[in-house]
Amino acid sequence: MADAFLAGVEPGGLTNVQEIRILLCYMLHTVGAPIPRDALTDIITAGGMANYFDTEDAIEDLIRLQHLVQTEDKLVATTVTGNQIGESLGVRIPYTLRERSVKAALQLLKRREVERDNKVDVRKLEEGGYEVTCSVMDGERALLSVTLRVSDPWQAEQIKEQFLTDPALLYRSNLAVLTGDANMRRAGTELVIKL
C-alpha cells in the first residue's frame, strides 16, 4: 500500500504533505504570478517532486488555511501568509526541487504568454490532410501569417509546437529573407541563414 503513495515520486522527492505545502508556497511566491490549479499539480507531479494525491491535498489545505487563494477561473496565488511561508521556510526544501519547480512554473507562464500573443489554427480539410495557419500577432492584427498543408494530425501538431516554441524566429527569419538582410548561403541541399 505504501508503494501506491510513492508512485511517480523520484528519489529525493517529497512524501511529506507539510513539505509539499512549503514547496508550493515557495514556487508561487518566487514566480510572483497566479498559476492554473491543474498546471500547479502537473508541475509538481510531472517532475516527480511529489505524488498527485499528496499534492492535491496540500493545495486544498493551503486554500483552506488561506495561505493560497483560488479564483473562479481556477488560478491559484499566494496570500501574504503564503508568501511568508515560501520566503522563510523555502530553505527547508532541497535546492534542486525548488529550482526545478520554479523553472517549470516560469516555462508554463512563458508558454501561456506565447499562446496568448500568437495564434495557431489547425483545420481538417474535406479533401484530406490538414491546414495549419501560424500567426505572429500584434494585438488583434497579424504581423505575419503562414499557412501550410500537411498530410496528418501528427505533422500539424509538430508544426504548432515548433511555432509556439519561438514565434519570433519565424517572423525574424522571414523578414530577413524577404528584405535581403539575411546572410544566406546555399551548401548543397542546405540553405544556411544567419540572422
Foldseek 3Di string as FASTA:
>chain_A
DVVVQLPQADVLADSDLVLLLLLLLQLQLVLVDWDAPVLLLCLCRVVNNGGSVSNVVSVVVCCVVQQWPADPRRTIHGDPVSNVSNVPVVVVRDPVSSVSSNVSRVVVVLLVVLPVQWDWDWAADPVAFIKIWTFRHDVPDGPDIDIDTDHDPVVNVVVVVVCSVPVVVVVVVVVCVVVVVWPWDDDPPDIDTDD
